[in-house]
Amino acid sequence: MATKKVTVTIPEDLLEEVRAEAAEYGLSAYVAEALRLRRDRDRLRELVDWLEEEHGPVSGPERAAAAAELDALDAEHARRREPRKDRDAA
């Protein structure tokens, strides 16, 4: 994949925190992933806005059901990331 070097300005305190977090990945990889996540979130927001224009707003119960599904998925992903011996013991 082609890459391009750019210059950005970041508050010093944030940069220090990010460098500490990104140590094992590298700052460039960390920032690239953060940008991808933000881009994906922006695209998702655009989709939600369009769907709400087409079909109306999401109701409270629908939001609660979606949040419950996401919680269940997060729990399953966390379980799958556990070392195998810990899962076998459970």
PDB file of N, CA and C in Angstrom:
ATOM      1  N   MET A   1       0.848  -1.168   0.000  1.00  0.00           N
ATOM      2  CA  MET A   1       0.000   0.000   0.000  1.00  0.00           C
ATOM      3  C   MET A   1       0.898   1.237   0.000  1.00  0.00           C
ATOM      4  N   ALA A   2       0.551   2.173  -0.848  1.00  0.00           N
ATOM      5  CA  ALA A   2       1.328   3.407  -0.927  1.00  0.00           C
ATOM      6  C   ALA A   2       1.052   4.280   0.292  1.00  0.00           C
ATOM      7  N   THR A   3       2.064   4.972   0.728  1.00  0.00           N
ATOM      8  CA  THR A   3       1.909   5.890   1.850  1.00  0.00           C
ATOM      9  C   THR A   3       2.455   7.248   1.451  1.00  0.00           C
ATOM     10  N   LYS A   4       2.064   8.250   2.213  1.00  0.00           N
ATOM     11  CA  LYS A   4       2.553   9.597   1.965  1.00  0.00           C
ATOM     12  C   LYS A   4       2.801  10.253   3.308  1.00  0.00           C
ATOM     13  N   LYS A   5       3.926  10.912   3.434  1.00  0.00           N
ATOM     14  CA  LYS A   5       4.276  11.603   4.661  1.00  0.00           C
ATOM     15  C   LYS A   5       3.565  12.955   4.677  1.00  0.00           C
ATOM     16  N   VAL A   6       2.959  13.285   5.829  1.00  0.00           N
ATOM     17  CA  VAL A   6       2.273  14.570   5.998  1.00  0.00           C
ATOM     18  C   VAL A   6       2.693  15.180   7.327  1.00  0.00           C
ATOM     19  N   THR A   7       2.429  16.454   7.470  1.00  0.00           N
ATOM     20  CA  THR A   7       2.703  17.147   8.722  1.00  0.00           C
ATOM     21  C   THR A   7       1.384  17.547   9.338  1.00  0.00           C
ATOM     22  N   VAL A   8       1.207  17.230  10.614  1.00  0.00           N
ATOM     23  CA  VAL A   8       0.006  17.621  11.347  1.00  0.00           C
ATOM     24  C   VAL A   8       0.422  18.278  12.650  1.00  0.00           C
ATOM     25  N   THR A   9      -0.469  19.087  13.189  1.00  0.00           N
ATOM     26  CA  THR A   9      -0.216  19.740  14.469  1.00  0.00           C
ATOM     27  C   THR A   9      -1.135  19.114  15.499  1.00  0.00           C
ATOM     28  N   ILE A  10      -0.544  18.651  16.600  1.00  0.00           N
ATOM     29  CA  ILE A  10      -1.278  17.958  17.657  1.00  0.00           C
ATOM     30  C   ILE A  10      -0.885  18.586  18.989  1.00  0.00           C
ATOM     31  N   PRO A  11      -1.853  18.816  19.881  1.00  0.00           N
ATOM     32  CA  PRO A  11      -1.493  19.333  21.202  1.00  0.00           C
ATOM     33  C   PRO A  11      -0.466  18.420  21.879  1.00  0.00           C
ATOM     34  N   GLU A  12       0.525  19.018  22.544  1.00  0.00           N
ATOM     35  CA  GLU A  12       1.624  18.254  23.144  1.00  0.00           C
ATOM     36  C   GLU A  12       1.153  17.186  24.115  1.00  0.00           C
ATOM     37  N   ASP A  13       0.201  17.536  24.976  1.00  0.00           N
ATOM     38  CA  ASP A  13      -0.255  16.558  25.971  1.00  0.00           C
ATOM     39  C   ASP A  13      -0.911  15.352  25.302  1.00  0.00           C
ATOM     40  N   LEU A  14      -1.677  15.594  24.244  1.00  0.00           N
ATOM     41  CA  LEU A  14      -2.293  14.490  23.511  1.00  0.00           C
ATOM     42  C   LEU A  14      -1.229  13.645  22.831  1.00  0.00           C
ATOM     43  N   LEU A  15      -0.255  14.275  22.220  1.00  0.00           N
ATOM     44  CA  LEU A  15       0.813  13.549  21.547  1.00  0.00           C
ATOM     45  C   LEU A  15       1.565  12.645  22.523  1.00  0.00           C
ATOM     46  N   GLU A  16       1.843  13.144  23.723  1.00  0.00           N
ATOM     47  CA  GLU A  16       2.538  12.320  24.723  1.00  0.00           C
ATOM     48  C   GLU A  16       1.712  11.085  25.083  1.00  0.00           C
ATOM     49  N   GLU A  17       0.414  11.283  25.277  1.00  0.00           N
ATOM     50  CA  GLU A  17      -0.453  10.151  25.613  1.00  0.00           C
ATOM     51  C   GLU A  17      -0.503   9.147  24.471  1.00  0.00           C
ATOM     52  N   VAL A  18      -0.660   9.657  23.251  1.00  0.00           N
ATOM     53  CA  VAL A  18      -0.767   8.777  22.089  1.00  0.00           C
ATOM     54  C   VAL A  18       0.534   8.025  21.857  1.00  0.00           C
ATOM     55  N   ARG A  19       1.652   8.683  21.998  1.00  0.00           N
ATOM     56  CA  ARG A  19       2.943   7.991  21.828  1.00  0.00           C
ATOM     57  C   ARG A  19       3.074   6.846  22.820  1.00  0.00           C
ATOM     58  N   ALA A  20       2.641   7.057  24.053  1.00  0.00           N
ATOM     59  CA  ALA A  20       2.704   5.994  25.059  1.00  0.00           C
ATOM     60  C   ALA A  20       1.798   4.830  24.662  1.00  0.00           C
ATOM     61  N   GLU A  21       0.596   5.147  24.189  1.00  0.00           N
ATOM     62  CA  GLU A  21      -0.349   4.104  23.773  1.00  0.00           C
ATOM     63  C   GLU A  21       0.127   3.373  22.517  1.00  0.00           C
ATOM     64  N   ALA A  22       0.744   4.119  21.610  1.00  0.00           N
ATOM     65  CA  ALA A  22       1.095   3.590  20.296  1.00  0.00           C
ATOM     66  C   ALA A  22       2.460   2.919  20.252  1.00  0.00           C
ATOM     67  N   ALA A  23       3.143   2.856  21.367  1.00  0.00           N
ATOM     68  CA  ALA A  23       4.530   2.376  21.373  1.00  0.00           C
ATOM     69  C   ALA A  23       4.702   1.056  20.647  1.00  0.00           C
ATOM     70  N   GLU A  24       3.835   0.100  20.880  1.00  0.00           N
ATOM     71  CA  GLU A  24       4.024  -1.210  20.251  1.00  0.00           C
ATOM     72  C   GLU A  24       3.608  -1.230  18.784  1.00  0.00           C
ATOM     73  N   TYR A  25       2.729  -0.324  18.366  1.00  0.00           N
ATOM     74  CA  TYR A  25       2.274  -0.276  16.975  1.00  0.00           C
ATOM     75  C   TYR A  25       3.078   0.690  16.121  1.00  0.00           C
ATOM     76  N   GLY A  26       3.521   1.752  16.737  1.00  0.00           N
ATOM     77  CA  GLY A  26       4.152   2.845  16.008  1.00  0.00           C
ATOM     78  C   GLY A  26       3.141   3.967  15.840  1.00  0.00           C
ATOM     79  N   LEU A  27       3.615   5.175  15.951  1.00  0.00           N
ATOM     80  CA  LEU A  27       2.738   6.345  15.903  1.00  0.00           C
ATOM     81  C   LEU A  27       1.989   6.441  14.581  1.00  0.00           C
ATOM     82  N   SER A  28       2.660   6.218  13.469  1.00  0.00           N
ATOM     83  CA  SER A  28       1.998   6.324  12.163  1.00  0.00           C
ATOM     84  C   SER A  28       0.855   5.321  12.029  1.00  0.00           C
ATOM     85  N   ALA A  29       1.090   4.089  12.431  1.00  0.00           N
ATOM     86  CA  ALA A  29       0.039   3.071  12.353  1.00  0.00           C
ATOM     87  C   ALA A  29      -1.130   3.424  13.263  1.00  0.00           C
ATOM     88  N   TYR A  30      -0.828   3.931  14.444  1.00  0.00           N
ATOM     89  CA  TYR A  30      -1.862   4.317  15.402  1.00  0.00           C
ATOM     90  C   TYR A  30      -2.730   5.438  14.833  1.00  0.00           C
ATOM     91  N   VAL A  31      -2.077   6.456  14.269  1.00  0.00           N
ATOM     92  CA  VAL A  31      -2.807   7.594  13.706  1.00  0.00           C
ATOM     93  C   VAL A  31      -3.610   7.155  12.485  1.00  0.00           C
ATOM     94  N   ALA A  32      -3.043   6.319  11.633  1.00  0.00           N
ATOM     95  CA  ALA A  32      -3.765   5.838  10.453  1.00  0.00           C
ATOM     96  C   ALA A  32      -5.019   5.078  10.863  1.00  0.00           C
ATOM     97  N   GLU A  33      -4.899   4.230  11.869  1.00  0.00           N
ATOM     98  CA  GLU A  33      -6.066   3.477  12.348  1.00  0.00           C
ATOM     99  C   GLU A  33      -7.111   4.421  12.939  1.00  0.00           C
ATOM    100  N   ALA A  34      -6.685   5.418  13.687  1.00  0.00           N
ATOM    101  CA  ALA A  34      -7.625   6.393  14.253  1.00  0.00           C
ATOM    102  C   ALA A  34      -8.366   7.134  13.140  1.00  0.00           C
ATOM    103  N   LEU A  35      -7.649   7.495  12.074  1.00  0.00           N
ATOM    104  CA  LEU A  35      -8.287   8.177  10.948  1.00  0.00           C
ATOM    105  C   LEU A  35      -9.280   7.264  10.238  1.00  0.00           C
ATOM    106  N   ARG A  36      -8.917   5.989  10.084  1.00  0.00           N
ATOM    107  CA  ARG A  36      -9.854   5.032   9.469  1.00  0.00           C
ATOM    108  C   ARG A  36     -11.120   4.902  10.305  1.00  0.00           C
ATOM    109  N   LEU A  37     -10.951   4.785  11.602  1.00  0.00           N
ATOM    110  CA  LEU A  37     -12.117   4.658  12.484  1.00  0.00           C
ATOM    111  C   LEU A  37     -13.008   5.886  12.405  1.00  0.00           C
ATOM    112  N   ARG A  38     -12.410   7.067  12.389  1.00  0.00           N
ATOM    113  CA  ARG A  38     -13.189   8.306  12.286  1.00  0.00           C
ATOM    114  C   ARG A  38     -13.910   8.387  10.948  1.00  0.00           C
ATOM    115  N   ARG A  39     -13.209   8.040   9.872  1.00  0.00           N
ATOM    116  CA  ARG A  39     -13.838   8.033   8.547  1.00  0.00           C
ATOM    117  C   ARG A  39     -15.017   7.077   8.508  1.00  0.00           C
ATOM    118  N   ASP A  40     -14.839   5.881   9.062  1.00  0.00           N
ATOM    119  CA  ASP A  40     -15.926   4.904   9.088  1.00  0.00           C
ATOM    120  C   ASP A  40     -17.104   5.406   9.910  1.00  0.00           C
ATOM    121  N   ARG A  41     -16.819   6.044  11.038  1.00  0.00           N
ATOM    122  CA  ARG A  41     -17.887   6.587  11.875  1.00  0.00           C
ATOM    123  C   ARG A  41     -18.638   7.697  11.152  1.00  0.00           C
ATOM    124  N   ASP A  42     -17.909   8.555  10.437  1.00  0.00           N
ATOM    125  CA  ASP A  42     -18.557   9.620   9.672  1.00  0.00           C
ATOM    126  C   ASP A  42     -19.456   9.039   8.585  1.00  0.00           C
ATOM    127  N   ARG A  43     -18.991   8.008   7.906  1.00  0.00           N
ATOM    128  CA  ARG A  43     -19.804   7.356   6.877  1.00  0.00           C
ATOM    129  C   ARG A  43     -21.046   6.709   7.479  1.00  0.00           C
ATOM    130  N   LEU A  44     -20.874   6.094   8.626  1.00  0.00           N
ATOM    131  CA  LEU A  44     -22.014   5.483   9.304  1.00  0.00           C
ATOM    132  C   LEU A  44     -23.032   6.546   9.715  1.00  0.00           C
ATOM    133  N   ARG A  45     -22.551   7.682  10.202  1.00  0.00           N
ATOM    134  CA  ARG A  45     -23.444   8.782  10.569  1.00  0.00           C
ATOM    135  C   ARG A  45     -24.234   9.257   9.354  1.00  0.00           C
ATOM    136  N   GLU A  46     -23.561   9.363   8.191  1.00  0.00           N
ATOM    137  CA  GLU A  46     -24.250   9.752   6.962  1.00  0.00           C
ATOM    138  C   GLU A  46     -25.335   8.742   6.604  1.00  0.00           C
ATOM    139  N   LEU A  47     -25.040   7.462   6.750  1.00  0.00           N
ATOM    140  CA  LEU A  47     -26.023   6.420   6.465  1.00  0.00           C
ATOM    141  C   LEU A  47     -27.209   6.529   7.412  1.00  0.00           C
ATOM    142  N   VAL A  48     -26.937   6.704   8.704  1.00  0.00           N
ATOM    143  CA  VAL A  48     -28.016   6.833   9.690  1.00  0.00           C
ATOM    144  C   VAL A  48     -28.892   8.036   9.363  1.00  0.00           C
ATOM    145  N   ASP A  49     -28.276   9.161   9.033  1.00  0.00           N
ATOM    146  CA  ASP A  49     -29.040  10.359   8.676  1.00  0.00           C
ATOM    147  C   ASP A  49     -29.935  10.088   7.472  1.00  0.00           C
ATOM    148  N   TRP A  50     -29.379   9.432   6.452  1.00  0.00           N
ATOM    149  CA  TRP A  50     -30.159   9.132   5.259  1.00  0.00           C
ATOM    150  C   TRP A  50     -31.313   8.184   5.589  1.00  0.00           C
ATOM    151  N   LEU A  51     -31.023   7.127   6.366  1.00  0.00           N
ATOM    152  CA  LEU A  51     -32.079   6.178   6.730  1.00  0.00           C
ATOM    153  C   LEU A  51     -33.182   6.844   7.543  1.00  0.00           C
ATOM    154  N   GLU A  52     -32.804   7.751   8.439  1.00  0.00           N
ATOM    155  CA  GLU A  52     -33.822   8.446   9.221  1.00  0.00           C
ATOM    156  C   GLU A  52     -34.644   9.389   8.344  1.00  0.00           C
ATOM    157  N   GLU A  53     -34.039   9.990   7.334  1.00  0.00           N
ATOM    158  CA  GLU A  53     -34.804  10.809   6.395  1.00  0.00           C
ATOM    159  C   GLU A  53     -35.802   9.954   5.624  1.00  0.00           C
ATOM    160  N   GLU A  54     -35.377   8.761   5.236  1.00  0.00           N
ATOM    161  CA  GLU A  54     -36.225   7.865   4.447  1.00  0.00           C
ATOM    162  C   GLU A  54     -37.299   7.172   5.276  1.00  0.00           C
ATOM    163  N   HIS A  55     -36.956   6.762   6.513  1.00  0.00           N
ATOM    164  CA  HIS A  55     -37.834   5.886   7.292  1.00  0.00           C
ATOM    165  C   HIS A  55     -38.266   6.465   8.633  1.00  0.00           C
ATOM    166  N   GLY A  56     -37.819   7.643   8.966  1.00  0.00           N
ATOM    167  CA  GLY A  56     -38.155   8.244  10.249  1.00  0.00           C
ATOM    168  C   GLY A  56     -37.120   7.891  11.300  1.00  0.00           C
ATOM    169  N   PRO A  57     -37.178   8.611  12.427  1.00  0.00           N
ATOM    170  CA  PRO A  57     -36.184   8.388  13.482  1.00  0.00           C
ATOM    171  C   PRO A  57     -36.328   7.021  14.153  1.00  0.00           C
ATOM    172  N   VAL A  58     -35.232   6.577  14.724  1.00  0.00           N
ATOM    173  CA  VAL A  58     -35.208   5.311  15.457  1.00  0.00           C
ATOM    174  C   VAL A  58     -35.851   5.542  16.821  1.00  0.00           C
ATOM    175  N   SER A  59     -36.721   4.620  17.227  1.00  0.00           N
ATOM    176  CA  SER A  59     -37.417   4.762  18.511  1.00  0.00           C
ATOM    177  C   SER A  59     -36.511   4.371  19.670  1.00  0.00           C
ATOM    178  N   GLY A  60     -36.904   4.756  20.870  1.00  0.00           N
ATOM    179  CA  GLY A  60     -36.159   4.388  22.075  1.00  0.00           C
ATOM    180  C   GLY A  60     -35.994   2.886  22.228  1.00  0.00           C
ATOM    181  N   PRO A  61     -37.078   2.117  22.091  1.00  0.00           N
ATOM    182  CA  PRO A  61     -36.939   0.658  22.196  1.00  0.00           C
ATOM    183  C   PRO A  61     -36.036   0.060  21.115  1.00  0.00           C
ATOM    184  N   GLU A  62     -36.080   0.616  19.904  1.00  0.00           N
ATOM    185  CA  GLU A  62     -35.194   0.125  18.848  1.00  0.00           C
ATOM    186  C   GLU A  62     -33.737   0.404  19.182  1.00  0.00           C
ATOM    187  N   ARG A  63     -33.461   1.592  19.730  1.00  0.00           N
ATOM    188  CA  ARG A  63     -32.093   1.923  20.143  1.00  0.00           C
ATOM    189  C   ARG A  63     -31.625   0.982  21.260  1.00  0.00           C
ATOM    190  N   ALA A  64     -32.518   0.714  22.220  1.00  0.00           N
ATOM    191  CA  ALA A  64     -32.159  -0.181  23.337  1.00  0.00           C
ATOM    192  C   ALA A  64     -31.856  -1.588  22.830  1.00  0.00           C
ATOM    193  N   ALA A  65     -32.663  -2.071  21.883  1.00  0.00           N
ATOM    194  CA  ALA A  65     -32.435  -3.409  21.327  1.00  0.00           C
ATOM    195  C   ALA A  65     -31.103  -3.463  20.584  1.00  0.00           C
ATOM    196  N   ALA A  66     -30.797  -2.419  19.819  1.00  0.00           N
ATOM    197  CA  ALA A  66     -29.525  -2.378  19.095  1.00  0.00           C
ATOM    198  C   ALA A  66     -28.350  -2.329  20.068  1.00  0.00           C
ATOM    199  N   ALA A  67     -28.485  -1.536  21.126  1.00  0.00           N
ATOM    200  CA  ALA A  67     -27.410  -1.446  22.125  1.00  0.00           C
ATOM    201  C   ALA A  67     -27.196  -2.791  22.804  1.00  0.00           C
ATOM    202  N   ALA A  68     -28.272  -3.508  23.093  1.00  0.00           N
ATOM    203  CA  ALA A  68     -28.157  -4.831  23.716  1.00  0.00           C
ATOM    204  C   ALA A  68     -27.442  -5.804  22.783  1.00  0.00           C
ATOM    205  N   GLU A  69     -27.760  -5.747  21.498  1.00  0.00           N
ATOM    206  CA  GLU A  69     -27.069  -6.608  20.529  1.00  0.00           C
ATOM    207  C   GLU A  69     -25.584  -6.297  20.458  1.00  0.00           C
ATOM    208  N   LEU A  70     -25.255  -4.999  20.449  1.00  0.00           N
ATOM    209  CA  LEU A  70     -23.843  -4.615  20.422  1.00  0.00           C
ATOM    210  C   LEU A  70     -23.116  -5.072  21.681  1.00  0.00           C
ATOM    211  N   ASP A  71     -23.762  -4.955  22.837  1.00  0.00           N
ATOM    212  CA  ASP A  71     -23.158  -5.436  24.083  1.00  0.00           C
ATOM    213  C   ASP A  71     -22.882  -6.936  24.014  1.00  0.00           C
ATOM    214  N   ALA A  72     -23.834  -7.683  23.458  1.00  0.00           N
ATOM    215  CA  ALA A  72     -23.658  -9.132  23.331  1.00  0.00           C
ATOM    216  C   ALA A  72     -22.500  -9.454  22.380  1.00  0.00           C
ATOM    217  N   LEU A  73     -22.398  -8.704  21.278  1.00  0.00           N
ATOM    218  CA  LEU A  73     -21.284  -8.914  20.347  1.00  0.00           C
ATOM    219  C   LEU A  73     -19.947  -8.577  20.998  1.00  0.00           C
ATOM    220  N   ASP A  74     -19.909  -7.478  21.743  1.00  0.00           N
ATOM    221  CA  ASP A  74     -18.676  -7.104  22.438  1.00  0.00           C
ATOM    222  C   ASP A  74     -18.258  -8.187  23.427  1.00  0.00           C
ATOM    223  N   ALA A  75     -19.225  -8.737  24.148  1.00  0.00           N
ATOM    224  CA  ALA A  75     -18.925  -9.792  25.116  1.00  0.00           C
ATOM    225  C   ALA A  75     -18.396 -11.040  24.411  1.00  0.00           C
ATOM    226  N   GLU A  76     -18.992 -11.379  23.271  1.00  0.00           N
ATOM    227  CA  GLU A  76     -18.529 -12.547  22.518  1.00  0.00           C
ATOM    228  C   GLU A  76     -17.119 -12.322  21.983  1.00  0.00           C
ATOM    229  N   HIS A  77     -16.838 -11.137  21.469  1.00  0.00           N
ATOM    230  CA  HIS A  77     -15.489 -10.846  20.986  1.00  0.00           C
ATOM    231  C   HIS A  77     -14.470 -10.906  22.121  1.00  0.00           C
ATOM    232  N   ALA A  78     -14.835 -10.369  23.270  1.00  0.00           N
ATOM    233  CA  ALA A  78     -13.931 -10.428  24.419  1.00  0.00           C
ATOM    234  C   ALA A  78     -13.675 -11.873  24.827  1.00  0.00           C
ATOM    235  N   ARG A  79     -14.718 -12.690  24.816  1.00  0.00           N
ATOM    236  CA  ARG A  79     -14.573 -14.102  25.174  1.00  0.00           C
ATOM    237  C   ARG A  79     -13.631 -14.804  24.198  1.00  0.00           C
ATOM    238  N   ARG A  80     -13.757 -14.497  22.913  1.00  0.00           N
ATOM    239  CA  ARG A  80     -12.923 -15.149  21.903  1.00  0.00           C
ATOM    240  C   ARG A  80     -11.468 -14.702  21.972  1.00  0.00           C
ATOM    241  N   ARG A  81     -11.220 -13.522  22.534  1.00  0.00           N
ATOM    242  CA  ARG A  81      -9.843 -13.036  22.666  1.00  0.00           C
ATOM    243  C   ARG A  81      -9.149 -13.615  23.889  1.00  0.00           C
ATOM    244  N   GLU A  82      -9.898 -14.243  24.797  1.00  0.00           N
ATOM    245  CA  GLU A  82      -9.284 -14.840  25.977  1.00  0.00           C
ATOM    246  C   GLU A  82      -8.365 -15.980  25.547  1.00  0.00           C
ATOM    247  N   PRO A  83      -7.286 -16.183  26.277  1.00  0.00           N
ATOM    248  CA  PRO A  83      -6.443 -17.357  25.971  1.00  0.00           C
ATOM    249  C   PRO A  83      -7.268 -18.633  26.042  1.00  0.00           C
ATOM    250  N   ARG A  84      -6.953 -19.586  25.192  1.00  0.00           N
ATOM    251  CA  ARG A  84      -7.728 -20.815  25.077  1.00  0.00           C
ATOM    252  C   ARG A  84      -7.883 -21.538  26.401  1.00  0.00           C
ATOM    253  N   LYS A  85      -6.827 -21.610  27.208  1.00  0.00           N
ATOM    254  CA  LYS A  85      -6.911 -22.357  28.478  1.00  0.00           C
ATOM    255  C   LYS A  85      -7.928 -21.717  29.404  1.00  0.00           C
ATOM    256  N   ASP A  86      -8.044 -20.386  29.402  1.00  0.00           N
ATOM    257  CA  ASP A  86      -9.035 -19.708  30.248  1.00  0.00           C
ATOM    258  C   ASP A  86     -10.448 -20.040  29.788  1.00  0.00           C
ATOM    259  N   ARG A  87     -10.659 -20.128  28.462  1.00  0.00           N
ATOM    260  CA  ARG A  87     -11.989 -20.470  27.949  1.00  0.00           C
ATOM    261  C   ARG A  87     -12.358 -21.898  28.279  1.00  0.00           C
ATOM    262  N   ASP A  88     -11.377 -22.825  28.177  1.00  0.00           N
ATOM    263  CA  ASP A  88     -11.651 -24.223  28.458  1.00  0.00           C
ATOM    264  C   ASP A  88     -11.998 -24.442  29.929  1.00  0.00           C
ATOM    265  N   ALA A  89     -11.406 -23.646  30.814  1.00  0.00           N
ATOM    266  CA  ALA A  89     -11.661 -23.791  32.241  1.00  0.00           C
ATOM    267  C   ALA A  89     -13.040 -23.285  32.620  1.00  0.00           C
ATOM    268  N   ALA A  90     -13.595 -22.356  31.831  1.00  0.00           N
ATOM    269  CA  ALA A  90     -14.905 -21.753  32.154  1.00  0.00           C
ATOM    270  C   ALA A  90     -16.047 -22.651  31.865  1.00  0.00           C
TER     271      ALA A  90
END
